[in-house]
């Protein structure tokens, strides 16, 4: 699931540029909600597209404090990326439980993340 406050046309552009369309089951964009982060609307809309039995395992991965604040308001745990340019202290204070430098760092240290399937 991909949830972004970006507009639908921006979302489609980046999914195509990154060639990740086959990795995304569903997506929500800022066009689908009335309020953007730090309000949790975009994540609530995303959860509405996830089967009830799968919602308990949902995590948010974001690169701004607003991602963590919005996720925390819904009770969703967050992994923060330092690649958004925000100080670590701001990401942690907003609710990020773990920090990584970016997607490449998360993949390199997947076994130390909440996404390790062996846990």
Protein backbone atom coordinates (compact mmCIF):
# COMPACT_ATOMS: atom_id res chain seq x y z
CA UNK A 1 0.00 0.00 0.00
CA UNK A 2 1.28 3.44 -0.89
CA UNK A 3 -0.21 6.49 0.81
CA UNK A 4 1.00 9.92 -0.17
CA UNK A 5 -0.20 13.48 0.16
CA UNK A 6 1.05 14.07 -3.39
CA UNK A 7 -1.57 14.62 -6.07
CA UNK A 8 -2.61 11.63 -8.18
CA UNK A 9 -0.71 12.80 -11.28
CA UNK A 10 2.50 13.21 -9.23
CA UNK A 11 2.01 9.78 -7.69
CA UNK A 12 1.56 8.20 -11.12
CA UNK A 13 4.65 9.99 -12.44
CA UNK A 14 6.90 8.76 -9.61
CA UNK A 15 5.56 5.22 -9.69
CA UNK A 16 6.39 5.10 -13.40
CA UNK A 17 9.83 6.75 -13.05
CA UNK A 18 10.79 4.41 -10.21
CA UNK A 19 9.29 1.41 -12.03
CA UNK A 20 7.60 0.15 -8.86
CA UNK A 21 4.05 -0.30 -10.08
CA UNK A 22 4.28 -4.07 -9.73
CA UNK A 23 5.16 -3.66 -6.03
CA UNK A 24 2.08 -1.62 -5.14
CA UNK A 25 -1.22 -3.35 -4.46
CA UNK A 26 -3.12 -0.11 -3.89
CA UNK A 27 -2.42 3.58 -3.46
CA UNK A 28 -4.06 6.67 -2.04
CA UNK A 29 -3.19 10.25 -2.94
CA UNK A 30 -3.82 13.69 -1.56
CA UNK A 31 -6.63 14.10 -4.09
CA UNK A 32 -8.69 11.59 -2.09
CA UNK A 33 -8.72 13.36 1.27
CA UNK A 34 -9.78 16.74 2.60
CA UNK A 35 -6.82 17.29 4.90
CA UNK A 36 -3.14 16.57 4.53
CA UNK A 37 -0.60 15.54 7.14
CA UNK A 38 -0.26 16.07 10.08
CA UNK A 39 -3.91 14.99 9.96
CA UNK A 40 -4.19 11.20 9.60
CA UNK A 41 -6.71 11.29 6.74
CA UNK A 42 -4.38 9.85 4.07
CA UNK A 43 -3.41 6.91 6.27
CA UNK A 44 -7.04 6.30 7.25
CA UNK A 45 -7.97 6.21 3.56
CA UNK A 46 -5.15 3.74 2.94
CA UNK A 47 -6.29 1.50 5.78
CA UNK A 48 -9.79 1.46 4.33
CA UNK A 49 -8.28 -0.42 1.37
CA UNK A 50 -6.57 -3.04 3.51
CA UNK A 51 -8.32 -6.18 4.72
CA UNK A 52 -9.27 -5.99 8.40
CA UNK A 53 -7.09 -8.98 9.26
CA UNK A 54 -4.01 -7.22 7.80
CA UNK A 55 -4.44 -3.82 9.46
CA UNK A 56 -2.85 -4.84 12.74
CA UNK A 57 0.49 -5.31 10.97
CA UNK A 58 0.45 -1.92 9.27
CA UNK A 59 3.42 0.42 9.64
CA UNK A 60 4.08 3.83 8.17
CA UNK A 61 7.42 4.63 6.57
CA UNK A 62 7.96 8.35 6.20
CA UNK A 63 10.62 11.01 5.88
CA UNK A 64 9.03 13.87 7.80
CA UNK A 65 7.80 14.48 11.33
CA UNK A 66 4.34 15.07 9.83
CA UNK A 67 4.24 11.46 8.64
CA UNK A 68 4.96 10.22 12.16
CA UNK A 69 2.48 12.60 13.79
CA UNK A 70 -0.30 11.56 11.39
CA UNK A 71 0.47 7.86 11.84
CA UNK A 72 0.61 8.15 15.63
CA UNK A 73 -2.82 9.79 15.64
CA UNK A 74 -4.16 6.55 14.12
CA UNK A 75 -2.10 4.33 16.41
CA UNK A 76 0.20 3.23 13.58
CA UNK A 77 3.89 2.70 14.35
CA UNK A 78 6.37 4.58 12.17
CA UNK A 79 9.82 4.04 10.72
CA UNK A 80 11.51 7.32 9.87
CA UNK A 81 13.88 8.10 7.02
CA UNK A 82 16.56 10.74 7.58
CA UNK A 83 16.57 11.37 3.82
CA UNK A 84 13.79 13.94 4.19
CA UNK A 85 16.24 16.41 5.68
CA UNK A 86 14.65 16.63 9.13
CA UNK A 87 16.75 16.30 12.28
CA UNK A 88 16.68 12.92 14.03
CA UNK A 89 15.33 14.50 17.20
CA UNK A 90 12.31 15.86 15.30
CA UNK A 91 11.52 12.49 13.73
CA UNK A 92 11.82 10.71 17.07
CA UNK A 93 9.83 13.35 18.95
CA UNK A 94 7.06 13.02 16.36
CA UNK A 95 6.80 9.28 17.02
CA UNK A 96 9.23 7.46 14.72
CA UNK A 97 10.29 4.25 16.47
CA UNK A 98 13.33 3.54 14.31
CA UNK A 99 15.39 5.64 11.93
CA UNK A 100 17.14 4.73 8.69
CA UNK A 101 19.06 6.91 6.26
CA UNK A 102 16.60 6.07 3.48
CA UNK A 103 15.18 3.11 1.56
CA UNK A 104 18.64 1.79 0.70
CA UNK A 105 19.60 1.76 4.40
CA UNK A 106 16.38 0.01 5.39
CA UNK A 107 17.01 -2.69 2.78
CA UNK A 108 20.62 -3.10 3.92
CA UNK A 109 19.51 -3.49 7.53
CA UNK A 110 16.19 -5.25 6.97
CA UNK A 111 17.07 -7.85 9.59
CA UNK A 112 17.20 -5.07 12.21
CA UNK A 113 13.84 -3.63 11.14
CA UNK A 114 10.26 -4.48 12.07
CA UNK A 115 9.88 -5.87 8.54
CA UNK A 116 12.16 -8.85 9.05
CA UNK A 117 9.95 -11.84 8.23
CA UNK A 118 12.00 -14.13 10.47
CA UNK A 119 10.76 -12.43 13.62
